[in-house]
């Protein structure tokens, strides 16, 4: 019986009791907040992170909140490890109903004219290849069951080249991820699997806070370029992920939803 059985119908549509969700990069930042939201809605969580210590800390946090979660360590910037993670999850014999491909990042800021092929490929693998691998592997199992939710975490930089960014591999990878979302959504819609993307703007994650600490005035500069006048709070992505993961979002597929405080309006 659902732990949310007493909820009114509109809220029952968000109930994930009995569903199992894999969140990559789920041990911190936006990934942890999305995991928390799905867990609070009743989902059984499987979080993957590149560092075992971070995974263990996230599990301790979630367990203390009464959320059921397991963890796996994998460096998804390496396609072979993405392949291994997908195989390991399937080998557990328990279906993954919801996949959130959250891993990504820039890591470099090298001008295009100086960017090596190895650097270019590394950013594509980190932001795009691993999402393809896990979508292909775990999505195929969803197709067989004719139910599934895939959420790719792209970026507003899929649509807009950042003024201070260099190399352009990050924007290219995120734009490709958003288009991959739409194309696979079109293919899989008849088989009950939805595929959507969230395109976040600036969020005050721990990683961004460390970056802000090194650049006095940067937080205020960015906030001034956002109509809402502030950066996003990490917990604000959780409800949107829950909507896309639940029956509430059953009629939405192929959408790339900007969550940016209006940043791209100006």
Protein backbone atom coordinates (compact mmCIF):
# COMPACT_ATOMS: atom_id res chain seq x y z
CA UNK A 1 0.00 0.00 0.00
CA UNK A 2 1.32 3.47 -0.83
CA UNK A 3 2.58 5.53 2.07
CA UNK A 4 0.74 8.41 0.39
CA UNK A 5 -2.61 6.61 0.12
CA UNK A 6 -4.42 9.35 2.05
CA UNK A 7 -3.41 12.08 -0.39
CA UNK A 8 -5.96 13.74 -2.69
CA UNK A 9 -5.87 12.53 -6.33
CA UNK A 10 -3.81 15.42 -7.66
CA UNK A 11 -1.02 14.71 -5.18
CA UNK A 12 -1.26 10.94 -5.65
CA UNK A 13 -0.11 11.57 -9.23
CA UNK A 14 3.30 12.46 -7.76
CA UNK A 15 3.53 9.28 -5.67
CA UNK A 16 6.56 7.16 -6.62
CA UNK A 17 5.99 4.32 -4.20
CA UNK A 18 7.20 1.09 -5.81
CA UNK A 19 9.35 2.90 -8.38
CA UNK A 20 13.13 2.63 -8.48
CA UNK A 21 15.27 5.55 -9.61
CA UNK A 22 18.93 5.83 -10.62
CA UNK A 23 20.41 9.30 -10.28
CA UNK A 24 23.93 9.76 -11.63
CA UNK A 25 25.98 12.38 -9.87
CA UNK A 26 23.44 11.86 -7.12
CA UNK A 27 25.79 12.20 -4.18
CA UNK A 28 25.87 16.01 -4.10
CA UNK A 29 24.61 19.24 -5.60
CA UNK A 30 21.59 19.18 -7.88
CA UNK A 31 21.77 15.38 -8.12
CA UNK A 32 21.35 14.92 -4.38
CA UNK A 33 18.45 17.35 -4.29
CA UNK A 34 16.66 15.48 -7.08
CA UNK A 35 17.33 12.20 -5.32
CA UNK A 36 15.91 13.63 -2.11
CA UNK A 37 12.74 14.82 -3.85
CA UNK A 38 12.12 11.44 -5.49
CA UNK A 39 12.88 9.65 -2.24
CA UNK A 40 10.43 11.81 -0.31
CA UNK A 41 7.81 10.81 -2.88
CA UNK A 42 8.42 7.15 -2.09
CA UNK A 43 10.97 6.06 -4.72
CA UNK A 44 13.70 3.58 -3.94
CA UNK A 45 16.95 5.33 -4.82
CA UNK A 46 20.16 4.19 -6.43
CA UNK A 47 22.71 6.98 -6.54
CA UNK A 48 25.94 6.86 -8.49
CA UNK A 49 28.93 9.08 -7.83
CA UNK A 50 32.56 9.24 -8.85
CA UNK A 51 33.89 9.27 -5.28
CA UNK A 52 32.95 6.53 -2.81
CA UNK A 53 33.31 8.85 0.19
CA UNK A 54 30.82 11.29 -1.30
CA UNK A 55 28.40 8.46 -2.09
CA UNK A 56 28.67 7.16 1.49
CA UNK A 57 28.04 10.62 2.93
CA UNK A 58 24.98 11.08 0.73
CA UNK A 59 23.59 7.71 1.77
CA UNK A 60 24.04 8.58 5.43
CA UNK A 61 22.19 11.86 4.88
CA UNK A 62 19.32 10.23 3.03
CA UNK A 63 19.00 7.34 5.47
CA UNK A 64 18.84 9.83 8.37
CA UNK A 65 15.88 11.42 6.59
CA UNK A 66 14.12 8.06 6.31
CA UNK A 67 14.78 7.69 2.58
CA UNK A 68 15.64 4.28 1.15
CA UNK A 69 18.81 4.47 -0.94
CA UNK A 70 21.74 2.45 -2.23
CA UNK A 71 24.95 3.65 -3.83
CA UNK A 72 27.40 2.74 -6.56
CA UNK A 73 30.77 4.28 -7.41
CA UNK A 74 31.54 5.01 -11.06
CA UNK A 75 33.53 7.67 -12.90
CA UNK A 76 31.12 8.31 -15.75
CA UNK A 77 33.56 10.57 -17.57
CA UNK A 78 34.97 7.23 -18.72
CA UNK A 79 32.61 5.54 -21.23
CA UNK A 80 33.80 2.10 -20.15
CA UNK A 81 32.71 2.82 -16.59
CA UNK A 82 29.34 4.01 -17.83
CA UNK A 83 28.98 0.69 -19.65
CA UNK A 84 29.98 -1.17 -16.48
CA UNK A 85 27.53 0.78 -14.34
CA UNK A 86 24.64 0.03 -16.67
CA UNK A 87 25.54 -3.66 -16.71
CA UNK A 88 25.87 -3.76 -12.92
CA UNK A 89 22.47 -2.17 -12.41
CA UNK A 90 20.80 -4.62 -14.79
CA UNK A 91 22.57 -7.51 -13.08
CA UNK A 92 20.87 -6.60 -9.80
CA UNK A 93 17.67 -7.94 -11.35
CA UNK A 94 15.49 -5.09 -10.07
CA UNK A 95 14.00 -2.73 -12.65
CA UNK A 96 15.07 0.90 -12.87
CA UNK A 97 11.91 2.84 -13.67
CA UNK A 98 13.43 6.33 -13.58
CA UNK A 99 16.84 7.38 -14.89
CA UNK A 100 18.23 10.84 -14.22
CA UNK A 101 21.37 11.48 -16.25
CA UNK A 102 22.75 14.27 -14.10
CA UNK A 103 26.53 13.90 -14.48
CA UNK A 104 28.27 16.73 -16.30
CA UNK A 105 30.47 19.77 -15.99
CA UNK A 106 33.01 22.02 -17.69
CA UNK A 107 36.32 21.37 -15.88
CA UNK A 108 38.29 23.40 -18.43
CA UNK A 109 38.10 26.90 -19.91
CA UNK A 110 40.53 26.61 -22.81
CA UNK A 111 39.98 28.75 -25.95
CA UNK A 112 38.85 26.79 -28.99
CA UNK A 113 42.03 27.59 -30.89
CA UNK A 114 44.08 26.00 -28.09
CA UNK A 115 41.78 23.09 -27.24
CA UNK A 116 43.26 19.66 -27.82
CA UNK A 117 41.27 16.80 -29.30
CA UNK A 118 41.68 14.90 -26.04
CA UNK A 119 40.19 17.79 -24.04
CA UNK A 120 37.32 18.17 -26.49
CA UNK A 121 36.51 14.45 -26.31
CA UNK A 122 36.74 14.38 -22.52
CA UNK A 123 34.07 17.06 -22.15
CA UNK A 124 31.80 15.32 -24.67
CA UNK A 125 32.20 12.02 -22.85
CA UNK A 126 31.44 13.64 -19.47
CA UNK A 127 28.33 15.48 -20.61
CA UNK A 128 26.99 13.40 -23.49
CA UNK A 129 28.46 9.95 -24.05
CA UNK A 130 27.65 8.60 -20.58
CA UNK A 131 24.03 9.75 -20.94
CA UNK A 132 23.76 7.92 -24.25
CA UNK A 133 25.26 4.76 -22.78
CA UNK A 134 22.92 4.65 -19.78
CA UNK A 135 19.87 5.66 -21.81
CA UNK A 136 20.57 2.90 -24.30
CA UNK A 137 21.25 0.27 -21.63
CA UNK A 138 18.57 1.03 -19.05
CA UNK A 139 16.10 2.52 -21.50
CA UNK A 140 15.99 -0.72 -23.47
CA UNK A 141 14.76 -2.50 -20.34
CA UNK A 142 12.11 0.21 -19.85
CA UNK A 143 10.87 -0.35 -23.39
CA UNK A 144 10.38 -4.03 -22.64
CA UNK A 145 8.19 -3.10 -19.65
CA UNK A 146 6.48 -0.28 -21.60
CA UNK A 147 6.98 2.24 -18.80
CA UNK A 148 9.87 4.51 -17.96
CA UNK A 149 11.03 8.02 -17.24
CA UNK A 150 14.35 9.44 -18.43
CA UNK A 151 15.45 12.93 -17.38
CA UNK A 152 18.62 14.44 -18.83
CA UNK A 153 20.20 17.38 -17.05
CA UNK A 154 21.33 19.72 -19.78
CA UNK A 155 22.00 23.45 -19.32
CA UNK A 156 20.88 26.86 -20.51
CA UNK A 157 24.21 26.78 -22.36
CA UNK A 158 22.60 24.31 -24.74
CA UNK A 159 20.93 27.41 -26.17
CA UNK A 160 23.28 30.23 -25.24
CA UNK A 161 27.10 30.50 -25.36
CA UNK A 162 28.31 31.91 -22.07
CA UNK A 163 30.17 35.19 -22.46
CA UNK A 164 33.09 34.17 -20.23
CA UNK A 165 33.28 30.54 -21.37
CA UNK A 166 35.95 29.25 -23.72
CA UNK A 167 36.51 26.08 -25.72
CA UNK A 168 32.81 25.65 -26.48
CA UNK A 169 32.93 21.91 -25.94
CA UNK A 170 30.57 22.25 -22.97
CA UNK A 171 27.90 24.18 -24.87
CA UNK A 172 28.23 21.77 -27.79
CA UNK A 173 27.80 18.73 -25.56
CA UNK A 174 24.78 20.18 -23.76
CA UNK A 175 23.12 21.22 -27.03
CA UNK A 176 23.63 17.68 -28.31
CA UNK A 177 22.18 16.27 -25.07
CA UNK A 178 19.05 18.40 -25.48
CA UNK A 179 18.60 17.26 -29.06
CA UNK A 180 19.30 13.65 -28.06
CA UNK A 181 16.48 14.06 -25.54
CA UNK A 182 14.02 15.16 -28.22
CA UNK A 183 15.02 12.52 -30.75
CA UNK A 184 14.83 9.58 -28.36
CA UNK A 185 11.57 10.91 -26.93
CA UNK A 186 10.04 10.78 -30.40
CA UNK A 187 11.20 7.20 -30.90
CA UNK A 188 10.10 5.88 -27.53
CA UNK A 189 6.84 7.73 -26.88
CA UNK A 190 4.66 4.97 -28.39
CA UNK A 191 6.22 2.48 -25.98
CA UNK A 192 5.41 4.30 -22.76
CA UNK A 193 8.83 5.81 -22.05
CA UNK A 194 9.09 9.58 -21.68
CA UNK A 195 12.37 11.44 -22.19
CA UNK A 196 12.73 15.05 -21.07
CA UNK A 197 15.50 17.44 -20.12
CA UNK A 198 15.99 20.14 -17.52
CA UNK A 199 18.21 23.05 -18.57
CA UNK A 200 19.35 24.74 -15.34
CA UNK A 201 20.78 28.21 -15.14
CA UNK A 202 23.09 29.41 -12.34
CA UNK A 203 22.56 27.51 -9.08
CA UNK A 204 24.29 27.95 -5.74
CA UNK A 205 25.72 24.46 -5.52
CA UNK A 206 28.79 23.82 -3.36
CA UNK A 207 30.93 23.69 -6.51
CA UNK A 208 29.68 27.09 -7.65
CA UNK A 209 30.11 28.53 -4.17
CA UNK A 210 33.79 27.53 -4.28
CA UNK A 211 34.09 29.24 -7.68
CA UNK A 212 32.35 32.35 -6.32
CA UNK A 213 34.75 32.49 -3.37
CA UNK A 214 37.65 32.86 -5.78
CA UNK A 215 36.05 35.72 -7.73
CA UNK A 216 34.89 38.66 -5.59
CA UNK A 217 31.74 40.24 -6.97
CA UNK A 218 30.98 37.34 -9.32
CA UNK A 219 27.85 36.22 -7.48
CA UNK A 220 26.37 39.71 -7.63
CA UNK A 221 27.39 40.16 -11.27
CA UNK A 222 25.58 36.99 -12.34
CA UNK A 223 22.54 37.74 -10.16
CA UNK A 224 22.21 41.14 -11.82
CA UNK A 225 21.82 39.39 -15.20
CA UNK A 226 18.90 37.26 -13.95
CA UNK A 227 15.43 38.87 -13.93
CA UNK A 228 14.67 37.31 -10.54
CA UNK A 229 17.85 38.91 -9.21
CA UNK A 230 19.33 35.79 -7.65
CA UNK A 231 20.91 32.41 -8.28
CA UNK A 232 18.81 29.26 -8.02
CA UNK A 233 18.69 27.29 -4.79
CA UNK A 234 19.62 23.61 -5.34
CA UNK A 235 16.41 22.38 -3.70
CA UNK A 236 14.37 24.21 -6.35
CA UNK A 237 15.19 21.61 -9.00
CA UNK A 238 13.74 18.71 -7.00
CA UNK A 239 10.02 19.39 -7.57
CA UNK A 240 10.51 19.70 -11.34
CA UNK A 241 12.39 16.41 -11.46
CA UNK A 242 9.59 14.80 -9.44
CA UNK A 243 6.97 16.07 -11.88
CA UNK A 244 8.84 14.61 -14.85
CA UNK A 245 9.45 11.33 -13.04
CA UNK A 246 5.86 10.76 -11.94
CA UNK A 247 2.47 10.09 -13.45
CA UNK A 248 1.80 13.80 -13.15
CA UNK A 249 4.12 14.30 -16.13
CA UNK A 250 2.84 11.36 -18.17
CA UNK A 251 1.86 13.52 -21.16
CA UNK A 252 5.12 15.43 -21.34
CA UNK A 253 7.95 14.07 -23.47
CA UNK A 254 10.63 15.62 -25.64
CA UNK A 255 10.57 18.83 -23.62
CA UNK A 256 13.65 20.79 -22.54
CA UNK A 257 12.57 22.87 -19.58
CA UNK A 258 14.65 25.92 -18.63
CA UNK A 259 15.01 26.52 -14.91
CA UNK A 260 16.96 29.76 -14.83
CA UNK A 261 15.07 32.53 -13.06
CA UNK A 262 14.46 34.09 -16.45
CA UNK A 263 18.16 34.37 -17.34
CA UNK A 264 17.63 33.87 -21.07
CA UNK A 265 14.86 36.46 -21.26
CA UNK A 266 17.47 39.22 -21.39
